[in-house]
Amino acid sequence: MRRPVAPNAERVPDGSHIVSWMSDALDKVRRRLWNQARRDRDEKSVKRMRGVKYAVLKNPGDLTDRQ
């Protein structure tokens, strides 16, 4: 087993890690909702959710009317 190089070091999350963690969490929720809508055969929700993954990652000013 390797010893930590800096055992008293404090981990400080930076902006890119926070965005990455948020994106992963949103993707898990999106997938869960997508799968539930498919199981329920809710075609309206399935259609509405297409492209949501990329829309939530965009800057609000860059969203299209449909998004």
PDB file of N, CA and C in Angstrom:
ATOM      1  N   MET A   1       0.845  -1.173   0.000  1.00  0.00           N
ATOM      2  CA  MET A   1       0.000   0.000   0.000  1.00  0.00           C
ATOM      3  C   MET A   1       0.893   1.239   0.000  1.00  0.00           C
ATOM      4  N   ARG A   2       0.542   2.205  -0.861  1.00  0.00           N
ATOM      5  CA  ARG A   2       1.320   3.447  -0.942  1.00  0.00           C
ATOM      6  C   ARG A   2       0.912   4.402   0.152  1.00  0.00           C
ATOM      7  N   ARG A   3       1.873   5.079   0.678  1.00  0.00           N
ATOM      8  CA  ARG A   3       1.593   6.135   1.660  1.00  0.00           C
ATOM      9  C   ARG A   3       1.234   7.416   0.931  1.00  0.00           C
ATOM     10  N   PRO A   4       0.301   8.194   1.464  1.00  0.00           N
ATOM     11  CA  PRO A   4      -0.024   9.480   0.829  1.00  0.00           C
ATOM     12  C   PRO A   4       1.196  10.390   0.824  1.00  0.00           C
ATOM     13  N   VAL A   5       1.386  11.100  -0.259  1.00  0.00           N
ATOM     14  CA  VAL A   5       2.506  12.036  -0.381  1.00  0.00           C
ATOM     15  C   VAL A   5       2.322  13.199   0.573  1.00  0.00           C
ATOM     16  N   ALA A   6       1.116  13.681   0.687  1.00  0.00           N
ATOM     17  CA  ALA A   6       0.804  14.816   1.565  1.00  0.00           C
ATOM     18  C   ALA A   6      -0.391  14.429   2.432  1.00  0.00           C
ATOM     19  N   PRO A   7      -0.170  13.703   3.514  1.00  0.00           N
ATOM     20  CA  PRO A   7      -1.282  13.187   4.309  1.00  0.00           C
ATOM     21  C   PRO A   7      -2.172  14.268   4.925  1.00  0.00           C
ATOM     22  N   ASN A   8      -1.675  15.471   5.107  1.00  0.00           N
ATOM     23  CA  ASN A   8      -2.471  16.543   5.699  1.00  0.00           C
ATOM     24  C   ASN A   8      -3.045  17.501   4.663  1.00  0.00           C
ATOM     25  N   ALA A   9      -2.905  17.142   3.398  1.00  0.00           N
ATOM     26  CA  ALA A   9      -3.397  18.017   2.334  1.00  0.00           C
ATOM     27  C   ALA A   9      -4.923  18.061   2.347  1.00  0.00           C
ATOM     28  N   GLU A  10      -5.446  19.194   1.993  1.00  0.00           N
ATOM     29  CA  GLU A  10      -6.896  19.363   1.929  1.00  0.00           C
ATOM     30  C   GLU A  10      -7.306  19.401   0.466  1.00  0.00           C
ATOM     31  N   ARG A  11      -8.309  18.618   0.120  1.00  0.00           N
ATOM     32  CA  ARG A  11      -8.802  18.623  -1.255  1.00  0.00           C
ATOM     33  C   ARG A  11      -9.750  19.802  -1.436  1.00  0.00           C
ATOM     34  N   VAL A  12      -9.497  20.575  -2.453  1.00  0.00           N
ATOM     35  CA  VAL A  12     -10.329  21.730  -2.739  1.00  0.00           C
ATOM     36  C   VAL A  12     -10.856  21.561  -4.164  1.00  0.00           C
ATOM     37  N   PRO A  13     -12.165  21.410  -4.313  1.00  0.00           N
ATOM     38  CA  PRO A  13     -12.711  21.233  -5.662  1.00  0.00           C
ATOM     39  C   PRO A  13     -12.601  22.521  -6.472  1.00  0.00           C
ATOM     40  N   ASP A  14     -12.254  22.376  -7.726  1.00  0.00           N
ATOM     41  CA  ASP A  14     -12.203  23.549  -8.601  1.00  0.00           C
ATOM     42  C   ASP A  14     -13.451  23.563  -9.484  1.00  0.00           C
ATOM     43  N   GLY A  15     -13.600  24.615 -10.203  1.00  0.00           N
ATOM     44  CA  GLY A  15     -14.803  24.804 -11.015  1.00  0.00           C
ATOM     45  C   GLY A  15     -15.056  23.691 -12.006  1.00  0.00           C
ATOM     46  N   SER A  16     -13.996  23.195 -12.649  1.00  0.00           N
ATOM     47  CA  SER A  16     -14.202  22.156 -13.662  1.00  0.00           C
ATOM     48  C   SER A  16     -14.688  20.850 -13.028  1.00  0.00           C
ATOM     49  N   HIS A  17     -14.193  20.534 -11.823  1.00  0.00           N
ATOM     50  CA  HIS A  17     -14.662  19.318 -11.154  1.00  0.00           C
ATOM     51  C   HIS A  17     -16.123  19.465 -10.708  1.00  0.00           C
ATOM     52  N   ILE A  18     -16.469  20.625 -10.221  1.00  0.00           N
ATOM     53  CA  ILE A  18     -17.850  20.858  -9.785  1.00  0.00           C
ATOM     54  C   ILE A  18     -18.805  20.729 -10.969  1.00  0.00           C
ATOM     55  N   VAL A  19     -18.439  21.319 -12.107  1.00  0.00           N
ATOM     56  CA  VAL A  19     -19.280  21.219 -13.307  1.00  0.00           C
ATOM     57  C   VAL A  19     -19.380  19.764 -13.754  1.00  0.00           C
ATOM     58  N   SER A  20     -18.285  19.035 -13.692  1.00  0.00           N
ATOM     59  CA  SER A  20     -18.284  17.628 -14.078  1.00  0.00           C
ATOM     60  C   SER A  20     -19.201  16.811 -13.169  1.00  0.00           C
ATOM     61  N   TRP A  21     -19.119  17.026 -11.863  1.00  0.00           N
ATOM     62  CA  TRP A  21     -19.966  16.304 -10.912  1.00  0.00           C
ATOM     63  C   TRP A  21     -21.437  16.641 -11.135  1.00  0.00           C
ATOM     64  N   MET A  22     -21.717  17.915 -11.386  1.00  0.00           N
ATOM     65  CA  MET A  22     -23.092  18.329 -11.646  1.00  0.00           C
ATOM     66  C   MET A  22     -23.627  17.691 -12.919  1.00  0.00           C
ATOM     67  N   SER A  23     -22.811  17.675 -13.951  1.00  0.00           N
ATOM     68  CA  SER A  23     -23.226  17.078 -15.224  1.00  0.00           C
ATOM     69  C   SER A  23     -23.517  15.591 -15.051  1.00  0.00           C
ATOM     70  N   ASP A  24     -22.670  14.900 -14.303  1.00  0.00           N
ATOM     71  CA  ASP A  24     -22.889  13.474 -14.048  1.00  0.00           C
ATOM     72  C   ASP A  24     -24.194  13.247 -13.281  1.00  0.00           C
ATOM     73  N   ALA A  25     -24.443  14.078 -12.280  1.00  0.00           N
ATOM     74  CA  ALA A  25     -25.665  13.940 -11.483  1.00  0.00           C
ATOM     75  C   ALA A  25     -26.904  14.208 -12.340  1.00  0.00           C
ATOM     76  N   LEU A  26     -26.855  15.246 -13.164  1.00  0.00           N
ATOM     77  CA  LEU A  26     -27.975  15.553 -14.052  1.00  0.00           C
ATOM     78  C   LEU A  26     -28.219  14.421 -15.038  1.00  0.00           C
ATOM     79  N   ASP A  27     -27.135  13.830 -15.541  1.00  0.00           N
ATOM     80  CA  ASP A  27     -27.264  12.744 -16.500  1.00  0.00           C
ATOM     81  C   ASP A  27     -27.920  11.521 -15.858  1.00  0.00           C
ATOM     82  N   LYS A  28     -27.586  11.237 -14.610  1.00  0.00           N
ATOM     83  CA  LYS A  28     -28.210  10.109 -13.908  1.00  0.00           C
ATOM     84  C   LYS A  28     -29.711  10.334 -13.748  1.00  0.00           C
ATOM     85  N   VAL A  29     -30.096  11.545 -13.383  1.00  0.00           N
ATOM     86  CA  VAL A  29     -31.521  11.867 -13.229  1.00  0.00           C
ATOM     87  C   VAL A  29     -32.220  11.785 -14.578  1.00  0.00           C
ATOM     88  N   ARG A  30     -31.598  12.341 -15.605  1.00  0.00           N
ATOM     89  CA  ARG A  30     -32.177  12.321 -16.954  1.00  0.00           C
ATOM     90  C   ARG A  30     -32.394  10.891 -17.427  1.00  0.00           C
ATOM     91  N   ARG A  31     -31.394  10.033 -17.243  1.00  0.00           N
ATOM     92  CA  ARG A  31     -31.515   8.632 -17.665  1.00  0.00           C
ATOM     93  C   ARG A  31     -32.630   7.914 -16.897  1.00  0.00           C
ATOM     94  N   ARG A  32     -32.718   8.180 -15.594  1.00  0.00           N
ATOM     95  CA  ARG A  32     -33.763   7.547 -14.788  1.00  0.00           C
ATOM     96  C   ARG A  32     -35.144   7.955 -15.285  1.00  0.00           C
ATOM     97  N   LEU A  33     -35.334   9.248 -15.541  1.00  0.00           N
ATOM     98  CA  LEU A  33     -36.625   9.745 -16.030  1.00  0.00           C
ATOM     99  C   LEU A  33     -36.933   9.221 -17.432  1.00  0.00           C
ATOM    100  N   TRP A  34     -35.915   9.158 -18.284  1.00  0.00           N
ATOM    101  CA  TRP A  34     -36.066   8.644 -19.648  1.00  0.00           C
ATOM    102  C   TRP A  34     -36.519   7.184 -19.608  1.00  0.00           C
ATOM    103  N   ASN A  35     -35.838   6.384 -18.801  1.00  0.00           N
ATOM    104  CA  ASN A  35     -36.182   4.966 -18.706  1.00  0.00           C
ATOM    105  C   ASN A  35     -37.577   4.770 -18.121  1.00  0.00           C
ATOM    106  N   GLN A  36     -37.957   5.584 -17.140  1.00  0.00           N
ATOM    107  CA  GLN A  36     -39.293   5.489 -16.551  1.00  0.00           C
ATOM    108  C   GLN A  36     -40.358   5.834 -17.589  1.00  0.00           C
ATOM    109  N   ALA A  37     -40.120   6.877 -18.366  1.00  0.00           N
ATOM    110  CA  ALA A  37     -41.079   7.275 -19.403  1.00  0.00           C
ATOM    111  C   ALA A  37     -41.208   6.173 -20.459  1.00  0.00           C
ATOM    112  N   ARG A  38     -40.099   5.547 -20.809  1.00  0.00           N
ATOM    113  CA  ARG A  38     -40.156   4.442 -21.781  1.00  0.00           C
ATOM    114  C   ARG A  38     -40.909   3.245 -21.214  1.00  0.00           C
ATOM    115  N   ARG A  39     -40.658   2.923 -19.937  1.00  0.00           N
ATOM    116  CA  ARG A  39     -41.382   1.804 -19.304  1.00  0.00           C
ATOM    117  C   ARG A  39     -42.883   2.074 -19.258  1.00  0.00           C
ATOM    118  N   ASP A  40     -43.233   3.338 -19.005  1.00  0.00           N
ATOM    119  CA  ASP A  40     -44.643   3.731 -18.922  1.00  0.00           C
ATOM    120  C   ASP A  40     -45.269   3.951 -20.301  1.00  0.00           C
ATOM    121  N   ARG A  41     -44.449   3.825 -21.341  1.00  0.00           N
ATOM    122  CA  ARG A  41     -44.878   4.066 -22.726  1.00  0.00           C
ATOM    123  C   ARG A  41     -45.462   5.475 -22.884  1.00  0.00           C
ATOM    124  N   ASP A  42     -44.810   6.422 -22.237  1.00  0.00           N
ATOM    125  CA  ASP A  42     -45.223   7.823 -22.277  1.00  0.00           C
ATOM    126  C   ASP A  42     -44.472   8.511 -23.424  1.00  0.00           C
ATOM    127  N   GLU A  43     -45.014   8.354 -24.631  1.00  0.00           N
ATOM    128  CA  GLU A  43     -44.340   8.861 -25.829  1.00  0.00           C
ATOM    129  C   GLU A  43     -44.147  10.382 -25.797  1.00  0.00           C
ATOM    130  N   LYS A  44     -45.095  11.089 -25.225  1.00  0.00           N
ATOM    131  CA  LYS A  44     -44.992  12.552 -25.156  1.00  0.00           C
ATOM    132  C   LYS A  44     -43.748  12.957 -24.345  1.00  0.00           C
ATOM    133  N   SER A  45     -43.553  12.332 -23.197  1.00  0.00           N
ATOM    134  CA  SER A  45     -42.385  12.649 -22.364  1.00  0.00           C
ATOM    135  C   SER A  45     -41.093  12.207 -23.025  1.00  0.00           C
ATOM    136  N   VAL A  46     -41.117  11.043 -23.674  1.00  0.00           N
ATOM    137  CA  VAL A  46     -39.922  10.539 -24.354  1.00  0.00           C
ATOM    138  C   VAL A  46     -39.489  11.517 -25.435  1.00  0.00           C
ATOM    139  N   LYS A  47     -40.445  11.992 -26.249  1.00  0.00           N
ATOM    140  CA  LYS A  47     -40.119  12.956 -27.307  1.00  0.00           C
ATOM    141  C   LYS A  47     -39.585  14.260 -26.719  1.00  0.00           C
ATOM    142  N   ARG A  48     -40.228  14.718 -25.643  1.00  0.00           N
ATOM    143  CA  ARG A  48     -39.833  15.985 -25.026  1.00  0.00           C
ATOM    144  C   ARG A  48     -38.413  15.908 -24.454  1.00  0.00           C
ATOM    145  N   MET A  49     -38.007  14.730 -24.014  1.00  0.00           N
ATOM    146  CA  MET A  49     -36.708  14.575 -23.362  1.00  0.00           C
ATOM    147  C   MET A  49     -35.554  14.404 -24.341  1.00  0.00           C
ATOM    148  N   ARG A  50     -35.846  14.204 -25.613  1.00  0.00           N
ATOM    149  CA  ARG A  50     -34.773  14.076 -26.600  1.00  0.00           C
ATOM    150  C   ARG A  50     -33.986  15.374 -26.663  1.00  0.00           C
ATOM    151  N   GLY A  51     -32.688  15.283 -26.571  1.00  0.00           N
ATOM    152  CA  GLY A  51     -31.836  16.456 -26.655  1.00  0.00           C
ATOM    153  C   GLY A  51     -31.676  17.219 -25.353  1.00  0.00           C
ATOM    154  N   VAL A  52     -32.345  16.777 -24.293  1.00  0.00           N
ATOM    155  CA  VAL A  52     -32.270  17.484 -23.011  1.00  0.00           C
ATOM    156  C   VAL A  52     -30.853  17.447 -22.452  1.00  0.00           C
ATOM    157  N   LYS A  53     -30.150  16.344 -22.673  1.00  0.00           N
ATOM    158  CA  LYS A  53     -28.798  16.200 -22.136  1.00  0.00           C
ATOM    159  C   LYS A  53     -27.916  17.379 -22.557  1.00  0.00           C
ATOM    160  N   TYR A  54     -28.008  17.752 -23.806  1.00  0.00           N
ATOM    161  CA  TYR A  54     -27.150  18.823 -24.307  1.00  0.00           C
ATOM    162  C   TYR A  54     -27.702  20.201 -23.981  1.00  0.00           C
ATOM    163  N   ALA A  55     -29.019  20.313 -23.885  1.00  0.00           N
ATOM    164  CA  ALA A  55     -29.636  21.603 -23.591  1.00  0.00           C
ATOM    165  C   ALA A  55     -29.263  22.086 -22.192  1.00  0.00           C
ATOM    166  N   VAL A  56     -29.205  21.184 -21.218  1.00  0.00           N
ATOM    167  CA  VAL A  56     -28.897  21.619 -19.856  1.00  0.00           C
ATOM    168  C   VAL A  56     -27.444  22.036 -19.697  1.00  0.00           C
ATOM    169  N   LEU A  57     -26.603  21.645 -20.631  1.00  0.00           N
ATOM    170  CA  LEU A  57     -25.191  22.012 -20.550  1.00  0.00           C
ATOM    171  C   LEU A  57     -24.889  23.328 -21.265  1.00  0.00           C
ATOM    172  N   LYS A  58     -25.860  23.853 -22.000  1.00  0.00           N
ATOM    173  CA  LYS A  58     -25.652  25.089 -22.748  1.00  0.00           C
ATOM    174  C   LYS A  58     -25.834  26.316 -21.867  1.00  0.00           C
ATOM    175  N   ASN A  59     -25.229  27.404 -22.271  1.00  0.00           N
ATOM    176  CA  ASN A  59     -25.488  28.685 -21.643  1.00  0.00           C
ATOM    177  C   ASN A  59     -26.936  29.089 -21.967  1.00  0.00           C
ATOM    178  N   PRO A  60     -27.662  29.637 -21.019  1.00  0.00           N
ATOM    179  CA  PRO A  60     -29.063  30.001 -21.284  1.00  0.00           C
ATOM    180  C   PRO A  60     -29.258  30.889 -22.510  1.00  0.00           C
ATOM    181  N   GLY A  61     -28.332  31.786 -22.755  1.00  0.00           N
ATOM    182  CA  GLY A  61     -28.443  32.670 -23.917  1.00  0.00           C
ATOM    183  C   GLY A  61     -28.258  31.967 -25.239  1.00  0.00           C
ATOM    184  N   ASP A  62     -27.706  30.759 -25.228  1.00  0.00           N
ATOM    185  CA  ASP A  62     -27.460  29.996 -26.453  1.00  0.00           C
ATOM    186  C   ASP A  62     -28.558  28.980 -26.761  1.00  0.00           C
ATOM    187  N   LEU A  63     -29.566  28.892 -25.899  1.00  0.00           N
ATOM    188  CA  LEU A  63     -30.632  27.925 -26.113  1.00  0.00           C
ATOM    189  C   LEU A  63     -31.535  28.353 -27.257  1.00  0.00           C
ATOM    190  N   THR A  64     -32.027  27.379 -28.012  1.00  0.00           N
ATOM    191  CA  THR A  64     -32.999  27.671 -29.054  1.00  0.00           C
ATOM    192  C   THR A  64     -34.375  27.750 -28.399  1.00  0.00           C
ATOM    193  N   ASP A  65     -35.366  28.215 -29.157  1.00  0.00           N
ATOM    194  CA  ASP A  65     -36.727  28.309 -28.613  1.00  0.00           C
ATOM    195  C   ASP A  65     -37.244  26.931 -28.199  1.00  0.00           C
ATOM    196  N   ARG A  66     -36.918  25.914 -28.979  1.00  0.00           N
ATOM    197  CA  ARG A  66     -37.379  24.556 -28.679  1.00  0.00           C
ATOM    198  C   ARG A  66     -36.756  24.032 -27.374  1.00  0.00           C
ATOM    199  N   GLN A  67     -35.490  24.369 -27.144  1.00  0.00           N
ATOM    200  CA  GLN A  67     -34.804  23.893 -25.952  1.00  0.00           C
ATOM    201  C   GLN A  67     -35.324  24.602 -24.727  1.00  0.00           C
TER     202      GLN A  67
END
